[in-house]
């Protein structure tokens, strides 16, 4: 038999298809799906060694499963991470990271424009355990520095953000984190490693909601935490093993297959989003379009520096003279689309549309929404793989309505 191919030095698309694969003695071509809760040991001594960690091997699918491991290894290869642990959802990944790194009295600095559930986690749940959080305007480096305290342990952001597509200079934020001894954590959900790899810019930890683009077809829920091997094995694994926010083997298998097409999907959807954003800027009823690929985006140069493409999410503000009128116009337009799906999920091959102020960010206080820039006239579109001409035709009749 010839020597195995060197996947570590292969291109992204090759690793997206091949990395992490392990075959059973049956020598199956597609990755095997291991639907089992536990694993059998050869003898009592081996069972003891596996449970203690003295011998590598699978024990119990809450924290060790071959299908899940294949997904973790493939995603780690694509992100350029030493290690990865998969979780039941993106929010489970954030929660596990916080449980692993924070204690009472610690302080988190978080971008004000993050996903609504992340704000709920920091403000309403972690606060019960005396973890304090400061929210800052994400693109402003001075705001991050001004919020630092002696107990700051985590710097957390999404870049690009949901839904305003604001960016954070990852290298600058990571430099601040190293200076103050805090972990820099980047939620890379919107770009995925196909378009952006935060670890290359100095970030310590990358978070994923695999529910979005990693799956790519809106089928399953999942998440992941990536970083150094010592961080993942010594800090995240004990939390995952004991608290149980585990990724199911079936969901891992679905996302493994999703990763195979990640590069071509992200590029195609980004290209379509670029065309749609440019078209939206020309519409008279649109006040402003938020998209990093536009020259009008205040951080377009930063986007070109740390992303290989702008991504597939476009948000825009309709015109109106009052919050009530803005919501009325936004809802009327959303209700008038016929091709796009009205759902808050994103990352699908099917384009989706939603009203963030009353869905993804609806449980935030009015003050928190204002701080994040979520207005009643804001609409978010996650561009799928349909024809751009058909998406424009659908929006055109909706904007006229």
Protein backbone atom coordinates (compact mmCIF):
# COMPACT_ATOMS: atom_id res chain seq x y z
CA UNK A 1 0.00 0.00 0.00
CA UNK A 2 1.29 3.47 -0.86
CA UNK A 3 1.95 6.06 1.83
CA UNK A 4 -1.03 8.11 2.98
CA UNK A 5 -1.58 11.54 1.46
CA UNK A 6 -0.35 14.49 3.55
CA UNK A 7 -3.66 16.16 4.38
CA UNK A 8 -2.08 18.65 6.79
CA UNK A 9 -0.49 20.49 3.87
CA UNK A 10 -3.52 20.16 1.60
CA UNK A 11 -5.77 22.98 0.46
CA UNK A 12 -8.88 23.96 2.40
CA UNK A 13 -11.38 22.26 0.09
CA UNK A 14 -9.46 18.97 0.21
CA UNK A 15 -9.37 18.99 4.01
CA UNK A 16 -13.07 19.90 4.11
CA UNK A 17 -13.79 16.61 2.34
CA UNK A 18 -11.11 14.32 3.76
CA UNK A 19 -9.70 15.55 7.09
CA UNK A 20 -10.50 13.61 10.24
CA UNK A 21 -11.91 10.54 8.51
CA UNK A 22 -11.34 7.21 10.25
CA UNK A 23 -12.51 3.93 8.72
CA UNK A 24 -13.66 0.81 10.54
CA UNK A 25 -12.50 -2.68 9.50
CA UNK A 26 -15.41 -2.66 7.04
CA UNK A 27 -13.49 0.03 5.11
CA UNK A 28 -16.56 2.14 4.37
CA UNK A 29 -16.11 5.12 2.04
CA UNK A 30 -18.47 7.58 3.75
CA UNK A 31 -17.89 8.34 7.43
CA UNK A 32 -19.54 5.82 9.75
CA UNK A 33 -22.35 6.89 12.04
CA UNK A 34 -21.87 5.42 15.52
CA UNK A 35 -25.28 5.42 17.20
CA UNK A 36 -24.25 3.94 20.53
CA UNK A 37 -24.40 5.25 24.06
CA UNK A 38 -21.42 3.25 25.36
CA UNK A 39 -18.44 1.18 24.30
CA UNK A 40 -17.34 -2.33 25.32
CA UNK A 41 -13.97 -3.00 26.96
CA UNK A 42 -11.75 -6.05 26.55
CA UNK A 43 -11.33 -6.48 30.30
CA UNK A 44 -11.74 -4.71 33.65
CA UNK A 45 -8.21 -3.32 33.53
CA UNK A 46 -8.88 -1.66 30.19
CA UNK A 47 -12.17 -0.23 31.48
CA UNK A 48 -10.35 1.28 34.45
CA UNK A 49 -7.62 2.71 32.21
CA UNK A 50 -10.13 4.24 29.81
CA UNK A 51 -12.16 5.82 32.61
CA UNK A 52 -9.07 7.28 34.28
CA UNK A 53 -7.69 8.60 31.00
CA UNK A 54 -4.53 6.54 31.25
CA UNK A 55 -5.43 4.79 27.99
CA UNK A 56 -6.96 6.58 25.01
CA UNK A 57 -10.21 5.24 23.62
CA UNK A 58 -13.95 5.60 23.67
CA UNK A 59 -15.94 5.31 26.88
CA UNK A 60 -19.36 6.93 26.70
CA UNK A 61 -20.95 9.03 23.97
CA UNK A 62 -21.63 11.93 26.29
CA UNK A 63 -17.99 12.89 25.80
CA UNK A 64 -16.33 10.35 23.45
CA UNK A 65 -17.80 9.12 20.17
CA UNK A 66 -16.00 8.29 16.90
CA UNK A 67 -18.41 10.21 14.62
CA UNK A 68 -18.20 13.29 16.84
CA UNK A 69 -14.41 12.98 16.93
CA UNK A 70 -14.25 12.96 13.13
CA UNK A 71 -16.27 16.18 13.01
CA UNK A 72 -14.06 17.79 15.67
CA UNK A 73 -10.85 16.86 13.86
CA UNK A 74 -12.08 18.10 10.50
CA UNK A 75 -13.27 21.43 11.88
CA UNK A 76 -10.01 21.87 13.81
CA UNK A 77 -8.09 21.29 10.58
CA UNK A 78 -10.15 23.92 8.76
CA UNK A 79 -9.78 26.52 11.56
CA UNK A 80 -6.09 25.83 12.03
CA UNK A 81 -6.73 24.90 15.67
CA UNK A 82 -4.81 22.39 17.76
CA UNK A 83 -8.02 20.90 19.11
CA UNK A 84 -11.80 21.07 19.09
CA UNK A 85 -14.70 19.85 21.19
CA UNK A 86 -18.21 19.70 19.77
CA UNK A 87 -21.28 20.73 21.77
CA UNK A 88 -25.04 20.44 21.53
CA UNK A 89 -25.44 23.98 20.13
CA UNK A 90 -23.60 27.22 19.62
CA UNK A 91 -24.97 28.55 22.90
CA UNK A 92 -23.77 25.37 24.62
CA UNK A 93 -20.30 26.11 23.26
CA UNK A 94 -20.36 29.62 24.76
CA UNK A 95 -21.78 28.35 28.07
CA UNK A 96 -19.17 25.58 28.35
CA UNK A 97 -16.39 28.09 27.69
CA UNK A 98 -17.71 30.43 30.38
CA UNK A 99 -18.11 27.61 32.91
CA UNK A 100 -14.56 26.49 32.20
CA UNK A 101 -12.92 29.88 32.57
CA UNK A 102 -14.96 32.09 34.91
CA UNK A 103 -15.56 32.19 38.64
CA UNK A 104 -17.47 34.51 40.99
CA UNK A 105 -16.22 38.07 40.78
CA UNK A 106 -14.73 37.74 37.31
CA UNK A 107 -15.47 40.26 34.58
CA UNK A 108 -16.33 39.82 30.90
CA UNK A 109 -16.16 42.48 28.21
CA UNK A 110 -18.65 41.71 25.45
CA UNK A 111 -19.48 43.47 22.22
CA UNK A 112 -22.88 45.15 22.49
CA UNK A 113 -23.96 43.84 19.10
CA UNK A 114 -23.87 40.10 19.80
CA UNK A 115 -26.72 37.63 19.37
CA UNK A 116 -29.62 38.19 21.76
CA UNK A 117 -29.28 34.81 23.49
CA UNK A 118 -25.62 35.56 24.25
CA UNK A 119 -26.68 38.76 26.01
CA UNK A 120 -29.28 36.79 27.96
CA UNK A 121 -26.60 34.29 29.03
CA UNK A 122 -24.18 36.97 30.22
CA UNK A 123 -26.69 39.36 31.78
CA UNK A 124 -29.38 37.09 33.25
CA UNK A 125 -27.69 33.73 33.93
CA UNK A 126 -24.00 34.29 34.63
CA UNK A 127 -24.89 37.35 36.70
CA UNK A 128 -26.54 34.99 39.21
CA UNK A 129 -23.04 33.65 39.93
CA UNK A 130 -21.53 37.12 40.41
CA UNK A 131 -19.94 37.25 36.97
CA UNK A 132 -19.99 40.84 35.79
CA UNK A 133 -20.22 41.97 32.18
CA UNK A 134 -19.58 45.25 30.38
CA UNK A 135 -20.97 45.84 26.90
CA UNK A 136 -18.95 48.00 24.53
CA UNK A 137 -19.31 49.30 21.00
CA UNK A 138 -17.59 46.51 19.08
CA UNK A 139 -15.66 48.49 16.41
CA UNK A 140 -14.18 50.97 18.94
CA UNK A 141 -10.79 49.78 20.33
CA UNK A 142 -10.80 52.56 22.93
CA UNK A 143 -14.11 51.30 24.33
CA UNK A 144 -12.67 47.83 24.91
CA UNK A 145 -9.63 49.24 26.69
CA UNK A 146 -11.69 51.64 28.81
CA UNK A 147 -13.86 48.75 30.07
CA UNK A 148 -10.93 46.68 31.38
CA UNK A 149 -10.84 45.93 35.12
CA UNK A 150 -8.37 43.94 37.23
CA UNK A 151 -10.85 41.00 37.09
CA UNK A 152 -11.38 40.99 33.30
CA UNK A 153 -10.98 37.40 32.14
CA UNK A 154 -12.75 37.21 28.76
CA UNK A 155 -13.07 39.44 25.70
CA UNK A 156 -15.99 38.17 23.62
CA UNK A 157 -17.30 39.26 20.23
CA UNK A 158 -18.88 38.20 16.97
CA UNK A 159 -17.23 39.45 13.82
CA UNK A 160 -19.11 40.15 11.65
CA UNK A 161 -21.92 40.76 14.12
CA UNK A 162 -25.56 39.70 13.98
CA UNK A 163 -27.33 41.51 12.36
CA UNK A 164 -25.53 44.81 11.69
CA UNK A 165 -22.40 43.21 10.19
CA UNK A 166 -20.07 45.29 12.36
CA UNK A 167 -16.48 44.07 12.54
CA UNK A 168 -13.88 43.84 15.27
CA UNK A 169 -10.18 44.12 14.50
CA UNK A 170 -9.26 40.63 15.72
CA UNK A 171 -5.51 41.24 15.87
CA UNK A 172 -5.95 44.42 17.92
CA UNK A 173 -8.41 42.78 20.31
CA UNK A 174 -6.13 39.75 20.75
CA UNK A 175 -3.22 42.07 21.52
CA UNK A 176 -5.29 43.72 24.24
CA UNK A 177 -6.23 40.32 25.63
CA UNK A 178 -2.59 39.26 25.86
CA UNK A 179 -1.68 42.56 27.50
CA UNK A 180 -4.26 42.20 30.29
CA UNK A 181 -4.13 38.40 30.61
CA UNK A 182 -7.63 37.75 29.28
CA UNK A 183 -8.82 35.20 26.73
CA UNK A 184 -9.95 36.58 23.38
CA UNK A 185 -12.95 34.62 22.14
CA UNK A 186 -14.31 35.07 18.62
CA UNK A 187 -17.68 33.78 17.47
CA UNK A 188 -16.89 32.89 13.85
CA UNK A 189 -20.43 31.80 12.93
CA UNK A 190 -21.03 34.26 10.09
CA UNK A 191 -17.76 33.68 8.22
CA UNK A 192 -16.76 30.13 9.14
CA UNK A 193 -13.14 29.10 8.49
CA UNK A 194 -13.90 29.22 4.77
CA UNK A 195 -13.78 33.04 4.93
CA UNK A 196 -11.99 33.90 8.20
CA UNK A 197 -9.68 32.14 10.64
CA UNK A 198 -9.45 34.18 13.87
CA UNK A 199 -6.65 32.07 15.39
CA UNK A 200 -4.35 33.31 12.61
CA UNK A 201 -4.90 36.85 13.94
CA UNK A 202 -4.03 35.92 17.53
CA UNK A 203 -7.41 34.96 19.01
CA UNK A 204 -7.29 32.32 21.75
CA UNK A 205 -10.64 30.61 21.25
CA UNK A 206 -13.11 30.24 18.37
CA UNK A 207 -16.79 29.48 18.90
CA UNK A 208 -19.12 28.01 16.29
CA UNK A 209 -22.82 27.47 15.94
CA UNK A 210 -22.67 24.48 13.62
CA UNK A 211 -26.41 24.92 13.19
CA UNK A 212 -25.70 27.65 10.65
CA UNK A 213 -23.21 27.38 7.78
CA UNK A 214 -21.30 24.31 8.97
CA UNK A 215 -24.41 22.20 8.43
CA UNK A 216 -25.55 24.54 5.67
CA UNK A 217 -29.03 23.18 5.06
CA UNK A 218 -30.94 23.97 8.27
CA UNK A 219 -31.16 20.35 9.41
CA UNK A 220 -29.54 19.96 12.83
CA UNK A 221 -28.35 21.83 15.93
CA UNK A 222 -24.70 21.79 17.00
CA UNK A 223 -21.74 23.84 18.16
CA UNK A 224 -18.01 23.72 18.80
CA UNK A 225 -15.18 25.26 20.82
CA UNK A 226 -11.68 25.43 19.27
CA UNK A 227 -8.32 26.45 20.67
CA UNK A 228 -5.06 25.05 22.00
CA UNK A 229 -4.94 21.39 23.00
CA UNK A 230 -4.25 22.27 26.63
CA UNK A 231 -7.22 24.65 26.79
CA UNK A 232 -9.61 22.22 25.13
CA UNK A 233 -8.52 19.09 27.03
CA UNK A 234 -7.73 20.60 30.44
CA UNK A 235 -10.54 23.17 30.69
CA UNK A 236 -13.37 22.48 28.24
CA UNK A 237 -13.43 18.66 28.34
CA UNK A 238 -14.03 18.41 32.13
CA UNK A 239 -17.04 20.73 31.78
CA UNK A 240 -18.38 18.83 28.79
CA UNK A 241 -17.84 15.47 30.47
CA UNK A 242 -19.63 16.41 33.69
CA UNK A 243 -22.35 18.83 32.57
CA UNK A 244 -23.32 17.02 29.38
CA UNK A 245 -23.97 19.61 26.60
CA UNK A 246 -23.02 16.90 24.12
CA UNK A 247 -23.35 16.83 20.34
CA UNK A 248 -25.30 13.81 19.15
CA UNK A 249 -23.47 11.46 16.76
CA UNK A 250 -26.20 11.88 14.15
CA UNK A 251 -25.88 15.68 14.19
CA UNK A 252 -22.09 15.34 14.01
CA UNK A 253 -22.45 13.10 10.96
CA UNK A 254 -24.78 15.59 9.23
CA UNK A 255 -22.36 18.46 9.89
CA UNK A 256 -19.43 16.35 8.68
CA UNK A 257 -21.20 16.04 5.35
CA UNK A 258 -21.98 19.76 5.44
CA UNK A 259 -18.30 20.62 5.84
CA UNK A 260 -17.56 18.88 2.54
CA UNK A 261 -19.25 21.71 0.62
CA UNK A 262 -18.48 24.57 3.03
CA UNK A 263 -15.99 26.39 0.82
CA UNK A 264 -18.02 26.41 -2.37
CA UNK A 265 -21.24 27.27 -0.52
CA UNK A 266 -19.73 30.19 1.37
CA UNK A 267 -18.16 31.64 -1.75
CA UNK A 268 -21.34 31.29 -3.83
CA UNK A 269 -23.55 32.72 -1.10
CA UNK A 270 -21.14 35.60 -0.48
CA UNK A 271 -21.10 36.44 -4.19
CA UNK A 272 -24.91 36.48 -4.26
CA UNK A 273 -25.10 38.57 -1.10
CA UNK A 274 -22.74 41.13 -2.66
CA UNK A 275 -25.01 41.52 -5.69
CA UNK A 276 -28.13 41.73 -3.54
CA UNK A 277 -26.58 44.33 -1.21
CA UNK A 278 -25.55 46.51 -4.16
CA UNK A 279 -29.08 46.25 -5.56
CA UNK A 280 -30.66 47.14 -2.20
CA UNK A 281 -28.53 50.28 -1.95
CA UNK A 282 -30.22 51.55 -5.11
CA UNK A 283 -33.78 51.11 -3.80
CA UNK A 284 -35.50 54.40 -2.83
CA UNK A 285 -37.33 52.92 0.20
CA UNK A 286 -34.07 51.66 1.75
CA UNK A 287 -32.34 54.01 4.17
CA UNK A 288 -29.11 52.06 4.63
CA UNK A 289 -27.59 48.66 3.86
CA UNK A 290 -25.23 46.89 6.26
CA UNK A 291 -22.81 44.62 4.41
CA UNK A 292 -18.98 44.46 4.68
CA UNK A 293 -18.56 44.10 0.92
CA UNK A 294 -19.99 47.54 0.20
CA UNK A 295 -17.78 50.60 -0.17
CA UNK A 296 -20.24 52.38 2.11
CA UNK A 297 -19.47 50.02 5.00
CA UNK A 298 -17.30 51.95 7.50
CA UNK A 299 -15.05 48.90 8.00
CA UNK A 300 -14.77 47.71 4.41
CA UNK A 301 -10.96 47.90 4.55
CA UNK A 302 -10.85 45.77 7.71
CA UNK A 303 -13.16 43.23 6.10
CA UNK A 304 -10.78 42.91 3.16
CA UNK A 305 -7.86 42.48 5.56
CA UNK A 306 -9.23 39.69 7.76
CA UNK A 307 -11.91 38.05 5.58
CA UNK A 308 -11.50 36.43 2.17
CA UNK A 309 -15.13 37.34 1.28
CA UNK A 310 -17.78 39.50 2.97
CA UNK A 311 -20.16 36.71 4.00
CA UNK A 312 -23.76 35.95 3.13
CA UNK A 313 -25.80 38.06 5.59
CA UNK A 314 -27.23 41.42 4.52
CA UNK A 315 -29.28 43.71 6.73
CA UNK A 316 -30.95 46.93 5.75
CA UNK A 317 -32.97 49.75 7.24
CA UNK A 318 -36.26 50.81 5.65
CA UNK A 319 -37.26 54.48 5.71
CA UNK A 320 -39.75 55.79 8.24
CA UNK A 321 -40.37 58.73 10.57
CA UNK A 322 -41.27 56.92 13.81
CA UNK A 323 -40.63 53.52 15.48
CA UNK A 324 -44.26 52.53 14.91
CA UNK A 325 -44.11 53.44 11.24
CA UNK A 326 -40.76 51.68 10.83
CA UNK A 327 -42.09 48.43 12.30
CA UNK A 328 -45.23 48.66 10.17
CA UNK A 329 -43.20 49.06 6.98
CA UNK A 330 -40.69 46.35 7.91
CA UNK A 331 -43.39 43.83 8.81
CA UNK A 332 -45.38 44.62 5.66
CA UNK A 333 -42.33 44.05 3.50
CA UNK A 334 -41.40 40.80 5.29
CA UNK A 335 -44.98 39.54 5.00
CA UNK A 336 -44.94 40.31 1.27
CA UNK A 337 -41.99 38.12 0.27
CA UNK A 338 -42.95 34.89 -1.51
CA UNK A 339 -39.63 33.14 -2.17
CA UNK A 340 -37.58 33.76 0.96
CA UNK A 341 -38.45 31.89 4.16
CA UNK A 342 -39.63 33.88 7.17
CA UNK A 343 -37.51 32.27 9.88
CA UNK A 344 -34.88 33.50 12.32
CA UNK A 345 -32.35 30.80 11.40
CA UNK A 346 -29.58 31.50 8.91
CA UNK A 347 -26.80 29.68 7.08
CA UNK A 348 -29.23 27.66 4.98
CA UNK A 349 -29.13 27.04 1.24
CA UNK A 350 -32.60 28.62 1.32
CA UNK A 351 -32.61 32.38 1.82
CA UNK A 352 -34.23 33.56 5.03
CA UNK A 353 -35.64 36.88 6.19
CA UNK A 354 -36.48 38.14 9.67
CA UNK A 355 -37.16 41.22 11.81
CA UNK A 356 -34.41 41.16 14.47
CA UNK A 357 -36.05 43.62 16.87
CA UNK A 358 -38.96 41.23 17.45
CA UNK A 359 -37.26 37.85 16.90
CA UNK A 360 -33.54 37.22 17.49
CA UNK A 361 -33.20 40.30 19.72
CA UNK A 362 -36.82 40.52 20.87
CA UNK A 363 -36.15 39.46 24.47
CA UNK A 364 -33.61 42.23 25.02
CA UNK A 365 -34.62 45.35 26.87
CA UNK A 366 -35.30 48.41 24.69
CA UNK A 367 -32.09 49.91 26.09
CA UNK A 368 -30.06 46.86 25.09
CA UNK A 369 -31.53 46.90 21.58
CA UNK A 370 -30.73 50.58 21.25
CA UNK A 371 -27.18 49.94 22.47
CA UNK A 372 -26.82 47.22 19.83
CA UNK A 373 -28.31 49.41 17.06
CA UNK A 374 -31.32 47.14 16.50
CA UNK A 375 -34.08 49.43 15.25
CA UNK A 376 -37.70 48.70 14.34
CA UNK A 377 -36.91 49.30 10.69
CA UNK A 378 -34.09 46.79 10.45
CA UNK A 379 -34.51 43.66 8.29
CA UNK A 380 -32.00 40.82 8.03
CA UNK A 381 -31.60 38.54 5.02
CA UNK A 382 -29.36 35.47 5.02
CA UNK A 383 -28.72 34.81 1.35
CA UNK A 384 -28.94 31.21 0.18
CA UNK A 385 -28.20 29.53 -3.13
CA UNK A 386 -31.22 30.59 -5.15
CA UNK A 387 -30.84 32.74 -8.26
CA UNK A 388 -29.98 36.33 -7.32
CA UNK A 389 -32.36 37.55 -10.03
CA UNK A 390 -35.21 35.65 -8.38
CA UNK A 391 -34.32 37.01 -4.94
CA UNK A 392 -34.30 40.55 -6.34
CA UNK A 393 -37.64 39.96 -8.03
CA UNK A 394 -39.11 38.74 -4.76
CA UNK A 395 -37.78 41.75 -2.83
CA UNK A 396 -38.82 44.19 -5.52
CA UNK A 397 -42.47 43.25 -5.31
CA UNK A 398 -42.26 43.23 -1.49
CA UNK A 399 -40.69 46.69 -1.36
CA UNK A 400 -43.46 48.02 -3.61
CA UNK A 401 -46.17 46.58 -1.37
